[in-house]
C-alpha atoms as a PDB file:
ATOM      1  CA  MET A   1     132.288  82.271 108.802  1.00  0.00           C
ATOM      2  CA  LEU A   2     131.172  81.253 112.041  1.00  0.00           C
ATOM      3  CA  PRO A   3     130.436  77.442 113.061  1.00  0.00           C
ATOM      4  CA  VAL A   4     126.449  76.609 112.851  1.00  0.00           C
ATOM      5  CA  ALA A   5     124.620  74.187 115.384  1.00  0.00           C
ATOM      6  CA  ARG A   6     121.801  72.694 113.702  1.00  0.00           C
ATOM      7  CA  GLY A   7     118.747  71.356 115.534  1.00  0.00           C
ATOM      8  CA  GLU A   8     115.150  71.039 115.254  1.00  0.00           C
ATOM      9  CA  PHE A   9     114.173  74.551 115.085  1.00  0.00           C
ATOM     10  CA  GLU A  10     116.545  75.468 112.550  1.00  0.00           C
ATOM     11  CA  PRO A  11     114.199  75.680 109.569  1.00  0.00           C
ATOM     12  CA  PHE A  12     112.272  78.343 111.277  1.00  0.00           C
ATOM     13  CA  VAL A  13     115.538  80.224 112.274  1.00  0.00           C
ATOM     14  CA  SER A  14     116.391  80.242 108.658  1.00  0.00           C
ATOM     15  CA  LEU A  15     113.102  81.620 107.683  1.00  0.00           C
ATOM     16  CA  SER A  16     113.244  84.497 110.435  1.00  0.00           C
ATOM     17  CA  ASN A  17     116.762  85.185 109.031  1.00  0.00           C
ATOM     18  CA  TRP A  18     115.471  85.374 105.595  1.00  0.00           C
ATOM     19  CA  LEU A  19     112.584  87.642 106.389  1.00  0.00           C
ATOM     20  CA  THR A  20     114.708  89.944 108.096  1.00  0.00           C
ATOM     21  CA  ASP A  21     117.213  90.166 105.610  1.00  0.00           C
ATOM     22  CA  ARG A  22     114.434  91.068 103.174  1.00  0.00           C
ATOM     23  CA  VAL A  23     112.868  93.587 105.359  1.00  0.00           C
ATOM     24  CA  HIS A  24     116.403  95.434 105.847  1.00  0.00           C
ATOM     25  CA  SER A  25     117.074  95.189 102.117  1.00  0.00           C
ATOM     26  CA  GLU A  26     113.807  96.536 101.019  1.00  0.00           C
ATOM     27  CA  LEU A  27     113.581  99.212 103.771  1.00  0.00           C
ATOM     28  CA  GLY A  28     117.076 100.189 104.685  1.00  0.00           C
ATOM     29  CA  HIS A  29     118.538  99.998 108.148  1.00  0.00           C
ATOM     30  CA  PHE A  30     116.166 101.876 110.728  1.00  0.00           C
ATOM     31  CA  SER A  31     117.169 102.890 114.003  1.00  0.00           C
ATOM     32  CA  MET A  32     116.028 105.622 116.300  1.00  0.00           C
ATOM     33  CA  PRO A  33     118.948 107.945 117.743  1.00  0.00           C
ATOM     34  CA  SER A  34     119.505 108.236 121.335  1.00  0.00           C
ATOM     35  CA  VAL A  35     118.268 111.695 122.460  1.00  0.00           C
ATOM     36  CA  ASN A  36     119.127 114.077 125.268  1.00  0.00           C
ATOM     37  CA  ILE A  37     116.860 116.785 126.420  1.00  0.00           C
ATOM     38  CA  ARG A  38     118.237 119.396 128.691  1.00  0.00           C
ATOM     39  CA  GLU A  39     116.681 122.628 130.497  1.00  0.00           C
ATOM     40  CA  SER A  40     118.412 125.880 131.533  1.00  0.00           C
ATOM     41  CA  GLU A  41     117.115 129.005 133.027  1.00  0.00           C
ATOM     42  CA  LYS A  42     117.516 130.542 129.324  1.00  0.00           C
ATOM     43  CA  GLU A  43     116.861 127.517 126.831  1.00  0.00           C
ATOM     44  CA  TYR A  44     116.333 123.942 126.214  1.00  0.00           C
ATOM     45  CA  THR A  45     118.521 121.900 124.480  1.00  0.00           C
ATOM     46  CA  ILE A  46     117.947 118.709 122.298  1.00  0.00           C
ATOM     47  CA  GLU A  47     121.235 116.650 121.387  1.00  0.00           C
ATOM     48  CA  VAL A  48     120.729 113.791 118.960  1.00  0.00           C
ATOM     49  CA  ALA A  49     123.275 111.257 118.529  1.00  0.00           C
ATOM     50  CA  ALA A  50     123.982 110.600 114.877  1.00  0.00           C
ATOM     51  CA  PRO A  51     127.423 109.592 114.156  1.00  0.00           C
ATOM     52  CA  GLY A  52     128.415 109.093 110.583  1.00  0.00           C
ATOM     53  CA  MET A  53     126.176 111.641 109.322  1.00  0.00           C
ATOM     54  CA  GLU A  54     126.915 114.940 107.492  1.00  0.00           C
ATOM     55  CA  LYS A  55     125.406 118.348 108.097  1.00  0.00           C
ATOM     56  CA  GLY A  56     123.376 118.167 104.686  1.00  0.00           C
ATOM     57  CA  ASP A  57     121.611 114.829 105.644  1.00  0.00           C
ATOM     58  CA  PHE A  58     119.437 116.633 108.244  1.00  0.00           C
ATOM     59  CA  ASN A  59     116.436 118.641 108.167  1.00  0.00           C
ATOM     60  CA  VAL A  60     115.170 120.329 111.201  1.00  0.00           C
ATOM     61  CA  ASP A  61     111.632 121.986 110.633  1.00  0.00           C
ATOM     62  CA  MET A  62     109.499 124.084 113.089  1.00  0.00           C
ATOM     63  CA  HIS A  63     105.774 124.397 112.422  1.00  0.00           C
ATOM     64  CA  ASP A  64     102.842 124.966 114.686  1.00  0.00           C
ATOM     65  CA  GLY A  65     104.615 124.470 118.051  1.00  0.00           C
ATOM     66  CA  LEU A  66     106.082 120.929 116.403  1.00  0.00           C
ATOM     67  CA  LEU A  67     109.733 120.575 116.046  1.00  0.00           C
ATOM     68  CA  THR A  68     110.534 117.537 113.572  1.00  0.00           C
ATOM     69  CA  ILE A  69     114.357 116.436 113.272  1.00  0.00           C
ATOM     70  CA  ALA A  70     114.588 113.984 110.145  1.00  0.00           C
ATOM     71  CA  CYS A  71     117.818 112.586 108.551  1.00  0.00           C
ATOM     72  CA  GLU A  72     118.427 110.433 105.676  1.00  0.00           C
ATOM     73  CA  LYS A  73     121.821 109.382 104.471  1.00  0.00           C
ATOM     74  CA  LYS A  74     122.236 107.086 101.323  1.00  0.00           C
ATOM     75  CA  SER A  75     125.303 105.286 100.229  1.00  0.00           C
ATOM     76  CA  GLU A  76     127.015 106.418  96.843  1.00  0.00           C
ATOM     77  CA  CYS A  77     129.231 103.616  96.737  1.00  0.00           C
ATOM     78  CA  GLU A  78     128.573 100.639  94.253  1.00  0.00           C
ATOM     79  CA  CYS A  79     127.255  97.507  95.627  1.00  0.00           C
ATOM     80  CA  GLN A  80     130.157  95.422  94.468  1.00  0.00           C
ATOM     81  CA  GLY A  81     133.069  93.936  96.538  1.00  0.00           C
ATOM     82  CA  LYS A  82     136.438  93.371  95.401  1.00  0.00           C
ATOM     83  CA  GLU A  83     136.799  91.674  92.259  1.00  0.00           C
ATOM     84  CA  GLY A  84     135.211  88.329  92.300  1.00  0.00           C
ATOM     85  CA  GLU A  85     133.337  89.195  95.268  1.00  0.00           C
ATOM     86  CA  SER A  86     129.568  90.084  96.219  1.00  0.00           C
ATOM     87  CA  TYR A  87     128.013  90.977  99.227  1.00  0.00           C
ATOM     88  CA  LEU A  88     125.783  88.567 100.866  1.00  0.00           C
ATOM     89  CA  ARG A  89     124.544  91.159 103.591  1.00  0.00           C
ATOM     90  CA  ARG A  90     124.946  94.837 103.206  1.00  0.00           C
ATOM     91  CA  GLU A  91     123.743  97.248 106.011  1.00  0.00           C
ATOM     92  CA  PHE A  92     125.944 100.364 106.554  1.00  0.00           C
ATOM     93  CA  ASN A  93     124.580 101.878 103.149  1.00  0.00           C
ATOM     94  CA  TYR A  94     121.375 103.498 104.141  1.00  0.00           C
ATOM     95  CA  ALA A  95     119.947 105.133 107.326  1.00  0.00           C
ATOM     96  CA  LYS A  96     116.846 107.063 107.979  1.00  0.00           C
ATOM     97  CA  PHE A  97     114.833 108.547 110.872  1.00  0.00           C
ATOM     98  CA  SER A  98     112.449 111.361 112.012  1.00  0.00           C
ATOM     99  CA  LYS A  99     111.689 112.362 115.435  1.00  0.00           C
ATOM    100  CA  GLN A 100     109.109 114.988 116.337  1.00  0.00           C
ATOM    101  CA  PHE A 101     108.952 116.929 119.674  1.00  0.00           C
ATOM    102  CA  THR A 102     106.015 118.997 120.887  1.00  0.00           C
ATOM    103  CA  LEU A 103     107.386 122.370 122.087  1.00  0.00           C
ATOM    104  CA  PRO A 104     106.208 124.529 125.256  1.00  0.00           C
ATOM    105  CA  ASP A 105     104.770 127.836 124.481  1.00  0.00           C
ATOM    106  CA  SER A 106     107.811 129.489 126.302  1.00  0.00           C
ATOM    107  CA  VAL A 107     110.113 128.486 123.306  1.00  0.00           C
ATOM    108  CA  ASP A 108     111.010 131.701 121.034  1.00  0.00           C
ATOM    109  CA  GLU A 109     110.630 129.628 117.855  1.00  0.00           C
ATOM    110  CA  ALA A 110     112.479 132.642 115.729  1.00  0.00           C
ATOM    111  CA  ASN A 111     115.689 132.110 117.228  1.00  0.00           C
ATOM    112  CA  ILE A 112     115.888 128.479 117.231  1.00  0.00           C
ATOM    113  CA  GLN A 113     119.418 127.222 116.162  1.00  0.00           C
ATOM    114  CA  ALA A 114     121.003 123.699 115.311  1.00  0.00           C
ATOM    115  CA  ASN A 115     124.619 122.328 114.947  1.00  0.00           C
ATOM    116  CA  TYR A 116     126.155 119.258 113.937  1.00  0.00           C
ATOM    117  CA  ASP A 117     129.409 118.471 115.496  1.00  0.00           C
ATOM    118  CA  LYS A 118     131.381 115.225 116.126  1.00  0.00           C
ATOM    119  CA  GLY A 119     128.307 112.911 115.435  1.00  0.00           C
ATOM    120  CA  VAL A 120     125.957 115.155 117.639  1.00  0.00           C
ATOM    121  CA  LEU A 121     123.067 117.304 116.410  1.00  0.00           C
ATOM    122  CA  THR A 122     122.614 119.883 119.102  1.00  0.00           C
ATOM    123  CA  VAL A 123     119.320 122.115 118.550  1.00  0.00           C
ATOM    124  CA  GLN A 124     119.136 124.971 120.740  1.00  0.00           C
ATOM    125  CA  LEU A 125     115.637 126.255 121.787  1.00  0.00           C
ATOM    126  CA  PRO A 126     115.789 129.858 123.383  1.00  0.00           C
ATOM    127  CA  LYS A 127     113.253 130.582 125.949  1.00  0.00           C
ATOM    128  CA  ARG A 128     111.009 133.382 125.446  1.00  0.00           C
ATOM    129  CA  GLN A 129     111.549 136.513 127.765  1.00  0.00           C
ATOM    130  CA  ASP A 130     107.935 137.638 127.869  1.00  0.00           C
ATOM    131  CA  ASP A 131     106.517 134.077 128.960  1.00  0.00           C
ATOM    132  CA  PRO A 132     102.877 134.610 129.711  1.00  0.00           C
ATOM    133  CA  ARG A 133     102.872 131.712 132.132  1.00  0.00           C
ATOM    134  CA  LYS A 134     105.372 133.130 134.264  1.00  0.00           C
ATOM    135  CA  GLN A 135     103.113 136.406 134.616  1.00  0.00           C
ATOM    136  CA  ARG A 136     101.110 136.618 137.608  1.00  0.00           C
ATOM    137  CA  ARG A 137      97.264 137.724 137.137  1.00  0.00           C
ATOM    138  CA  SER A 138      94.101 137.895 139.410  1.00  0.00           C
ATOM    139  CA  ILE A 139      91.150 136.223 138.416  1.00  0.00           C
ATOM    140  CA  ASP A 140      87.843 137.551 139.460  1.00  0.00           C
ATOM    141  CA  VAL A 141      85.506 135.054 140.948  1.00  0.00           C
ATOM    142  CA  LYS A 142      81.934 135.836 140.264  1.00  0.00           C
END
């Protein structure tokens, strides 16, 4: 327990804490993970920091040039503490996020790969060899 200083705004702080607790308990803990995006000559790489997850928690989907990375983890442990105890606040029982990326035409959609290792989801997006944007073409002026 921590010491609490009481002041004239204390009822509002309590109300704010109560609302925050209710939102977290109803919706679960929500946060967007940090993302790195890199480009090399041969591919794009997306790295998503998601520690504590497992491979089965992720859903990586590609449709019509839109890459969606979604993750959901639910706790399977019971909500009781030790005998004679109960939780007053419990935040690390649920996590969910979804992030979308519009991909350039140069991505070879058929060869996208994803790997989860040591808390980081890595999605490799190889570039097509026949990128039409890299081909030079002359346009007639009429």
